[in-house]
Amino acid sequence: YIGMDVSGWVYYWHHGPEQRIERVRPIPGASPCFDFTLDRQVRTRFFVACLDGAILTVDRAQAVANPPEDPAQWQVSTLAAGLGKPTSIRVLPNGDMFVADNLRGMLWHIDVLHRGVTRILDLNGLFWIDYLSDNRLVLVCNKDQREMQVFVFDWHNGTLGPNLVPSTFYQFGQPFPDLFLGASVDRNGTIGPHDEFLAWRSHGTGNVDLLQFRKDTTVPG
């Protein structure tokens, strides 16, 4: 498994008998960053969303060609720049890339092969992205820095569904600019019914609001 912290350091988790975490190396130019995503088609490649508006490509192919892997041989390049404040990034199994630009409230689509960048949706406070097994996107927003919203977006036909957060869910009465929001979709049914997902917002140490959504997008209880 691969992980990354906000400063751009990459970590490996070695499962099996070792069960250890290895601090591998920092990504040049990747600090600070909130999210990264693996390339579902090229398994030796991943992408990093930097808060300065850049999307970086990290190619490990040369480094892993002759084991053991030499991280010094990772090839780092800029795939796109000028994307405001990317707070989340996902690459779908078919290779389509999506980036949440929290600064402008925009969803970007990137053609990785041809390096084409297209704005496909404007959404107030867009912060996080994940995707369902049918490749529709789950979008989490902090509208006007005070209202958590969750949407399912079919990017194939441009259909944005309704806000899924129940009206009884507590919302802030004044702007709360330092929220961190996220979502995690169980696409494969690893710990429950497939396509159930969690969405959350964090507003300080020990203050995390968590919502569970069924496959039909309803909230239990």
C-alpha atoms as a PDB file:
ATOM      1  CA  TYR A   1       0.000   0.000   0.000  1.00  0.00           C
ATOM      2  CA  ILE A   2       1.079   3.591  -0.686  1.00  0.00           C
ATOM      3  CA  GLY A   3       0.293   6.611   1.474  1.00  0.00           C
ATOM      4  CA  MET A   4       1.266  10.276   1.496  1.00  0.00           C
ATOM      5  CA  ASP A   5       1.223  13.020   4.098  1.00  0.00           C
ATOM      6  CA  VAL A   6       0.414  16.688   3.580  1.00  0.00           C
ATOM      7  CA  SER A   7       4.100  17.596   3.274  1.00  0.00           C
ATOM      8  CA  GLY A   8       4.539  15.337   0.232  1.00  0.00           C
ATOM      9  CA  TRP A   9       6.338  12.415   1.901  1.00  0.00           C
ATOM     10  CA  VAL A  10       5.458   8.978   0.499  1.00  0.00           C
ATOM     11  CA  TYR A  11       5.033   5.926   2.733  1.00  0.00           C
ATOM     12  CA  TYR A  12       4.775   2.205   2.007  1.00  0.00           C
ATOM     13  CA  TRP A  13       2.893  -0.181   4.233  1.00  0.00           C
ATOM     14  CA  HIS A  14       4.355  -3.670   3.971  1.00  0.00           C
ATOM     15  CA  HIS A  15       1.651  -6.217   4.811  1.00  0.00           C
ATOM     16  CA  GLY A  16       2.180  -9.861   5.636  1.00  0.00           C
ATOM     17  CA  PRO A  17       4.566 -10.957   8.414  1.00  0.00           C
ATOM     18  CA  GLU A  18       6.414  -7.610   8.402  1.00  0.00           C
ATOM     19  CA  GLN A  19       3.444  -5.316   9.073  1.00  0.00           C
ATOM     20  CA  ARG A  20       5.667  -2.241   8.920  1.00  0.00           C
ATOM     21  CA  ILE A  21       5.491   1.286   7.552  1.00  0.00           C
ATOM     22  CA  GLU A  22       8.416   2.590   5.510  1.00  0.00           C
ATOM     23  CA  ARG A  23       9.039   6.320   5.002  1.00  0.00           C
ATOM     24  CA  VAL A  24      10.221   6.329   1.388  1.00  0.00           C
ATOM     25  CA  ARG A  25      10.945   9.824   0.027  1.00  0.00           C
ATOM     26  CA  PRO A  26       9.389  13.271  -0.512  1.00  0.00           C
ATOM     27  CA  ILE A  27       7.940  14.287  -3.872  1.00  0.00           C
ATOM     28  CA  PRO A  28       9.695  17.448  -5.147  1.00  0.00           C
ATOM     29  CA  GLY A  29       7.204  20.280  -5.473  1.00  0.00           C
ATOM     30  CA  ALA A  30       4.384  18.352  -3.791  1.00  0.00           C
ATOM     31  CA  SER A  31       4.190  20.334  -0.578  1.00  0.00           C
ATOM     32  CA  PRO A  32       1.583  20.962   0.592  1.00  0.00           C
ATOM     33  CA  CYS A  33      -0.876  18.437  -0.821  1.00  0.00           C
ATOM     34  CA  PHE A  34      -4.179  16.978   0.390  1.00  0.00           C
ATOM     35  CA  ASP A  35      -4.674  13.994  -1.921  1.00  0.00           C
ATOM     36  CA  PHE A  36      -3.145  11.587  -4.430  1.00  0.00           C
ATOM     37  CA  THR A  37      -4.499   8.798  -6.623  1.00  0.00           C
ATOM     38  CA  LEU A  38      -3.110   5.666  -8.232  1.00  0.00           C
ATOM     39  CA  ASP A  39      -3.258   5.218 -11.989  1.00  0.00           C
ATOM     40  CA  ARG A  40      -5.675   2.302 -12.514  1.00  0.00           C
ATOM     41  CA  GLN A  41      -4.161   1.485 -15.911  1.00  0.00           C
ATOM     42  CA  VAL A  42      -0.438   2.010 -15.279  1.00  0.00           C
ATOM     43  CA  ARG A  43       0.182   0.460 -11.870  1.00  0.00           C
ATOM     44  CA  THR A  44       3.646   1.983 -11.435  1.00  0.00           C
ATOM     45  CA  ARG A  45       2.291   5.529 -11.733  1.00  0.00           C
ATOM     46  CA  PHE A  46       0.412   7.839  -9.382  1.00  0.00           C
ATOM     47  CA  PHE A  47      -0.714  11.470  -9.384  1.00  0.00           C
ATOM     48  CA  VAL A  48      -0.484  14.130  -6.687  1.00  0.00           C
ATOM     49  CA  ALA A  49      -2.829  17.119  -6.235  1.00  0.00           C
ATOM     50  CA  CYS A  50      -0.845  20.117  -4.933  1.00  0.00           C
ATOM     51  CA  LEU A  51      -2.543  23.050  -3.231  1.00  0.00           C
ATOM     52  CA  ASP A  52      -0.658  25.492  -5.478  1.00  0.00           C
ATOM     53  CA  GLY A  53      -2.779  24.309  -8.422  1.00  0.00           C
ATOM     54  CA  ALA A  54      -0.454  21.703  -9.946  1.00  0.00           C
ATOM     55  CA  ILE A  55      -1.064  18.027 -10.663  1.00  0.00           C
ATOM     56  CA  LEU A  56       2.151  15.996 -10.580  1.00  0.00           C
ATOM     57  CA  THR A  57       2.834  12.642 -12.230  1.00  0.00           C
ATOM     58  CA  VAL A  58       5.118  10.249 -10.346  1.00  0.00           C
ATOM     59  CA  ASP A  59       6.355   7.394 -12.537  1.00  0.00           C
ATOM     60  CA  ARG A  60       8.020   4.490 -10.694  1.00  0.00           C
ATOM     61  CA  ALA A  61       8.550   2.260 -13.751  1.00  0.00           C
ATOM     62  CA  GLN A  62      12.312   2.732 -14.005  1.00  0.00           C
ATOM     63  CA  ALA A  63      12.759   2.397 -10.261  1.00  0.00           C
ATOM     64  CA  VAL A  64      10.962  -0.944 -10.009  1.00  0.00           C
ATOM     65  CA  ALA A  65      12.428  -2.475 -13.189  1.00  0.00           C
ATOM     66  CA  ASN A  66      15.348  -3.958 -11.260  1.00  0.00           C
ATOM     67  CA  PRO A  67      14.344  -4.852  -7.674  1.00  0.00           C
ATOM     68  CA  PRO A  68      14.813  -3.707  -5.048  1.00  0.00           C
ATOM     69  CA  GLU A  69      13.096  -0.454  -5.927  1.00  0.00           C
ATOM     70  CA  ASP A  70      15.263   2.664  -5.930  1.00  0.00           C
ATOM     71  CA  PRO A  71      13.015   5.676  -5.124  1.00  0.00           C
ATOM     72  CA  ALA A  72      15.751   8.035  -6.310  1.00  0.00           C
ATOM     73  CA  GLN A  73      14.865   6.927  -9.850  1.00  0.00           C
ATOM     74  CA  TRP A  74      11.226   8.048  -9.658  1.00  0.00           C
ATOM     75  CA  GLN A  75      10.391  10.395 -12.532  1.00  0.00           C
ATOM     76  CA  VAL A  76       8.351  13.420 -11.418  1.00  0.00           C
ATOM     77  CA  SER A  77       6.706  15.741 -13.943  1.00  0.00           C
ATOM     78  CA  THR A  78       3.874  18.280 -14.085  1.00  0.00           C
ATOM     79  CA  LEU A  79       0.716  17.002 -15.772  1.00  0.00           C
ATOM     80  CA  ALA A  80      -1.341  20.202 -15.311  1.00  0.00           C
ATOM     81  CA  ALA A  81      -1.052  23.574 -13.570  1.00  0.00           C
ATOM     82  CA  GLY A  82      -3.216  26.578 -12.739  1.00  0.00           C
ATOM     83  CA  LEU A  83      -6.103  24.537 -11.287  1.00  0.00           C
ATOM     84  CA  GLY A  84      -6.765  26.833  -8.334  1.00  0.00           C
ATOM     85  CA  LYS A  85      -6.611  24.796  -5.115  1.00  0.00           C
ATOM     86  CA  PRO A  86      -6.928  21.061  -5.826  1.00  0.00           C
ATOM     87  CA  THR A  87      -8.108  19.337  -2.643  1.00  0.00           C
ATOM     88  CA  SER A  88      -8.996  15.940  -4.121  1.00  0.00           C
ATOM     89  CA  ILE A  89      -8.150  13.851  -7.187  1.00  0.00           C
ATOM     90  CA  ARG A  90      -9.324  10.507  -8.586  1.00  0.00           C
ATOM     91  CA  VAL A  91      -8.472   8.415 -11.629  1.00  0.00           C
ATOM     92  CA  LEU A  92     -11.219   6.036 -12.741  1.00  0.00           C
ATOM     93  CA  PRO A  93     -10.444   2.514 -14.029  1.00  0.00           C
ATOM     94  CA  ASN A  94     -10.906   3.732 -17.619  1.00  0.00           C
ATOM     95  CA  GLY A  95      -8.222   6.391 -17.123  1.00  0.00           C
ATOM     96  CA  ASP A  96     -10.422   9.481 -16.748  1.00  0.00           C
ATOM     97  CA  MET A  97      -9.060  11.895 -14.129  1.00  0.00           C
ATOM     98  CA  PHE A  98     -11.126  14.305 -12.026  1.00  0.00           C
ATOM     99  CA  VAL A  99      -9.876  17.112  -9.783  1.00  0.00           C
ATOM    100  CA  ALA A 100     -11.798  19.105  -7.165  1.00  0.00           C
ATOM    101  CA  ASP A 101     -10.774  22.789  -7.217  1.00  0.00           C
ATOM    102  CA  ASN A 102     -11.925  24.123  -3.845  1.00  0.00           C
ATOM    103  CA  LEU A 103     -10.760  27.678  -4.544  1.00  0.00           C
ATOM    104  CA  ARG A 104     -13.043  28.167  -7.550  1.00  0.00           C
ATOM    105  CA  GLY A 105     -15.695  25.551  -6.791  1.00  0.00           C
ATOM    106  CA  MET A 106     -14.963  23.659 -10.013  1.00  0.00           C
ATOM    107  CA  LEU A 107     -14.660  20.045 -11.118  1.00  0.00           C
ATOM    108  CA  TRP A 108     -11.964  19.478 -13.719  1.00  0.00           C
ATOM    109  CA  HIS A 109     -11.630  16.564 -16.121  1.00  0.00           C
ATOM    110  CA  ILE A 110      -8.116  15.751 -17.330  1.00  0.00           C
ATOM    111  CA  ASP A 111      -7.236  13.652 -20.354  1.00  0.00           C
ATOM    112  CA  VAL A 112      -4.019  12.097 -19.048  1.00  0.00           C
ATOM    113  CA  LEU A 113      -2.868  10.861 -22.446  1.00  0.00           C
ATOM    114  CA  HIS A 114      -3.331  14.144 -24.321  1.00  0.00           C
ATOM    115  CA  ARG A 115      -2.983  16.467 -21.293  1.00  0.00           C
ATOM    116  CA  GLY A 116      -6.309  18.132 -22.041  1.00  0.00           C
ATOM    117  CA  VAL A 117      -8.025  19.948 -19.142  1.00  0.00           C
ATOM    118  CA  THR A 118     -11.778  20.665 -19.216  1.00  0.00           C
ATOM    119  CA  ARG A 119     -14.035  22.311 -16.631  1.00  0.00           C
ATOM    120  CA  ILE A 120     -17.168  20.159 -16.436  1.00  0.00           C
ATOM    121  CA  LEU A 121     -19.019  21.399 -13.331  1.00  0.00           C
ATOM    122  CA  ASP A 122     -19.317  24.445 -11.073  1.00  0.00           C
ATOM    123  CA  LEU A 123     -20.207  23.520  -7.499  1.00  0.00           C
ATOM    124  CA  ASN A 124     -19.993  25.843  -4.486  1.00  0.00           C
ATOM    125  CA  GLY A 125     -17.412  24.640  -1.971  1.00  0.00           C
ATOM    126  CA  LEU A 126     -16.423  21.442  -3.825  1.00  0.00           C
ATOM    127  CA  PHE A 127     -13.794  19.697  -1.704  1.00  0.00           C
ATOM    128  CA  TRP A 128     -13.626  15.908  -2.197  1.00  0.00           C
ATOM    129  CA  ILE A 129     -14.206  13.232  -4.846  1.00  0.00           C
ATOM    130  CA  ASP A 130     -14.737   9.505  -4.860  1.00  0.00           C
ATOM    131  CA  TYR A 131     -16.545   7.260  -7.331  1.00  0.00           C
ATOM    132  CA  LEU A 132     -19.103   4.451  -7.424  1.00  0.00           C
ATOM    133  CA  SER A 133     -18.696   1.118  -9.206  1.00  0.00           C
ATOM    134  CA  ASP A 134     -20.543   2.519 -12.254  1.00  0.00           C
ATOM    135  CA  ASN A 135     -18.019   5.434 -12.366  1.00  0.00           C
ATOM    136  CA  ARG A 136     -20.486   8.090 -11.218  1.00  0.00           C
ATOM    137  CA  LEU A 137     -18.784  10.541  -8.888  1.00  0.00           C
ATOM    138  CA  VAL A 138     -19.519  11.211  -5.224  1.00  0.00           C
ATOM    139  CA  LEU A 139     -18.848  14.908  -4.533  1.00  0.00           C
ATOM    140  CA  VAL A 140     -18.537  16.414  -1.042  1.00  0.00           C
ATOM    141  CA  CYS A 141     -18.841  20.185  -0.607  1.00  0.00           C
ATOM    142  CA  ASN A 142     -18.628  22.857   2.068  1.00  0.00           C
ATOM    143  CA  LYS A 143     -21.153  25.314   0.609  1.00  0.00           C
ATOM    144  CA  ASP A 144     -20.430  28.917   1.596  1.00  0.00           C
ATOM    145  CA  GLN A 145     -17.988  27.467   4.176  1.00  0.00           C
ATOM    146  CA  ARG A 146     -20.888  26.517   6.423  1.00  0.00           C
ATOM    147  CA  GLU A 147     -23.061  23.763   4.873  1.00  0.00           C
ATOM    148  CA  MET A 148     -21.914  20.204   4.173  1.00  0.00           C
ATOM    149  CA  GLN A 149     -23.426  18.821   0.971  1.00  0.00           C
ATOM    150  CA  VAL A 150     -23.063  15.466  -0.804  1.00  0.00           C
ATOM    151  CA  PHE A 151     -24.013  14.827  -4.424  1.00  0.00           C
ATOM    152  CA  VAL A 152     -23.811  12.013  -6.965  1.00  0.00           C
ATOM    153  CA  PHE A 153     -22.739  13.299 -10.376  1.00  0.00           C
ATOM    154  CA  ASP A 154     -23.094  11.375 -13.624  1.00  0.00           C
ATOM    155  CA  TRP A 155     -20.352  13.019 -15.628  1.00  0.00           C
ATOM    156  CA  HIS A 156     -21.267  11.068 -18.766  1.00  0.00           C
ATOM    157  CA  ASN A 157     -24.485  13.050 -19.244  1.00  0.00           C
ATOM    158  CA  GLY A 158     -23.893  15.988 -16.875  1.00  0.00           C
ATOM    159  CA  THR A 159     -26.662  15.025 -14.414  1.00  0.00           C
ATOM    160  CA  LEU A 160     -26.121  16.289 -10.864  1.00  0.00           C
ATOM    161  CA  GLY A 161     -28.382  14.602  -8.323  1.00  0.00           C
ATOM    162  CA  PRO A 162     -29.940  16.286  -5.274  1.00  0.00           C
ATOM    163  CA  ASN A 163     -28.076  17.088  -2.083  1.00  0.00           C
ATOM    164  CA  LEU A 164     -28.102  13.839  -0.077  1.00  0.00           C
ATOM    165  CA  VAL A 165     -27.402  15.332   3.357  1.00  0.00           C
ATOM    166  CA  PRO A 166     -30.582  15.117   5.500  1.00  0.00           C
ATOM    167  CA  SER A 167     -32.243  18.407   6.439  1.00  0.00           C
ATOM    168  CA  THR A 168     -31.912  17.377  10.105  1.00  0.00           C
ATOM    169  CA  PHE A 169     -28.109  17.291   9.874  1.00  0.00           C
ATOM    170  CA  TYR A 170     -26.497  20.080  11.896  1.00  0.00           C
ATOM    171  CA  GLN A 171     -25.085  22.917   9.784  1.00  0.00           C
ATOM    172  CA  PHE A 172     -23.043  25.907  10.931  1.00  0.00           C
ATOM    173  CA  GLY A 173     -24.699  29.298  11.277  1.00  0.00           C
ATOM    174  CA  GLN A 174     -21.532  31.165  10.286  1.00  0.00           C
ATOM    175  CA  PRO A 175     -18.610  30.475   7.958  1.00  0.00           C
ATOM    176  CA  PHE A 176     -16.204  27.754   9.090  1.00  0.00           C
ATOM    177  CA  PRO A 177     -13.360  28.001   6.546  1.00  0.00           C
ATOM    178  CA  ASP A 178     -10.971  25.373   7.930  1.00  0.00           C
ATOM    179  CA  LEU A 179     -13.130  22.282   7.511  1.00  0.00           C
ATOM    180  CA  PHE A 180     -11.691  19.109   6.019  1.00  0.00           C
ATOM    181  CA  LEU A 181     -14.225  16.957   4.210  1.00  0.00           C
ATOM    182  CA  GLY A 182     -13.992  13.537   2.613  1.00  0.00           C
ATOM    183  CA  ALA A 183     -15.745  10.432   1.346  1.00  0.00           C
ATOM    184  CA  SER A 184     -14.928   6.765   0.938  1.00  0.00           C
ATOM    185  CA  VAL A 185     -16.929   4.432  -1.326  1.00  0.00           C
ATOM    186  CA  ASP A 186     -16.954   0.668  -0.758  1.00  0.00           C
ATOM    187  CA  ARG A 187     -17.070  -0.108  -4.480  1.00  0.00           C
ATOM    188  CA  ASN A 188     -16.250  -3.795  -4.066  1.00  0.00           C
ATOM    189  CA  GLY A 189     -18.332  -4.588  -0.998  1.00  0.00           C
ATOM    190  CA  THR A 190     -15.223  -5.217   1.080  1.00  0.00           C
ATOM    191  CA  ILE A 191     -16.827  -4.459   4.469  1.00  0.00           C
ATOM    192  CA  GLY A 192     -20.508  -4.263   3.526  1.00  0.00           C
ATOM    193  CA  PRO A 193     -22.900  -3.888   0.589  1.00  0.00           C
ATOM    194  CA  HIS A 194     -21.041  -2.611  -2.465  1.00  0.00           C
ATOM    195  CA  ASP A 195     -21.367   1.102  -3.248  1.00  0.00           C
ATOM    196  CA  GLU A 196     -22.305   2.068   0.297  1.00  0.00           C
ATOM    197  CA  PHE A 197     -20.208   5.051   1.289  1.00  0.00           C
ATOM    198  CA  LEU A 198     -19.198   7.312   4.145  1.00  0.00           C
ATOM    199  CA  ALA A 199     -18.893  11.100   4.039  1.00  0.00           C
ATOM    200  CA  TRP A 200     -17.466  13.248   6.806  1.00  0.00           C
ATOM    201  CA  ARG A 201     -16.375  16.683   7.886  1.00  0.00           C
ATOM    202  CA  SER A 202     -13.694  17.443  10.460  1.00  0.00           C
ATOM    203  CA  HIS A 203     -13.781  20.747  12.329  1.00  0.00           C
ATOM    204  CA  GLY A 204     -11.103  20.372  14.954  1.00  0.00           C
ATOM    205  CA  THR A 205      -9.466  17.667  17.045  1.00  0.00           C
ATOM    206  CA  GLY A 206     -12.058  15.089  18.039  1.00  0.00           C
ATOM    207  CA  ASN A 207     -14.847  16.894  16.154  1.00  0.00           C
ATOM    208  CA  VAL A 208     -15.797  14.699  13.207  1.00  0.00           C
ATOM    209  CA  ASP A 209     -19.308  14.415  11.748  1.00  0.00           C
ATOM    210  CA  LEU A 210     -19.874  11.153   9.866  1.00  0.00           C
ATOM    211  CA  LEU A 211     -22.717  10.148   7.555  1.00  0.00           C
ATOM    212  CA  GLN A 212     -23.329   6.676   6.160  1.00  0.00           C
ATOM    213  CA  PHE A 213     -25.110   6.335   2.804  1.00  0.00           C
ATOM    214  CA  ARG A 214     -26.706   3.160   1.519  1.00  0.00           C
ATOM    215  CA  LYS A 215     -26.371   2.080  -2.098  1.00  0.00           C
ATOM    216  CA  ASP A 216     -29.695   3.837  -2.806  1.00  0.00           C
ATOM    217  CA  THR A 217     -28.076   7.014  -1.331  1.00  0.00           C
ATOM    218  CA  THR A 218     -30.396   7.136   1.702  1.00  0.00           C
ATOM    219  CA  VAL A 219     -29.075   7.598   5.238  1.00  0.00           C
ATOM    220  CA  PRO A 220     -29.916   4.836   7.762  1.00  0.00           C
ATOM    221  CA  GLY A 221     -32.177   5.985  10.589  1.00  0.00           C
END
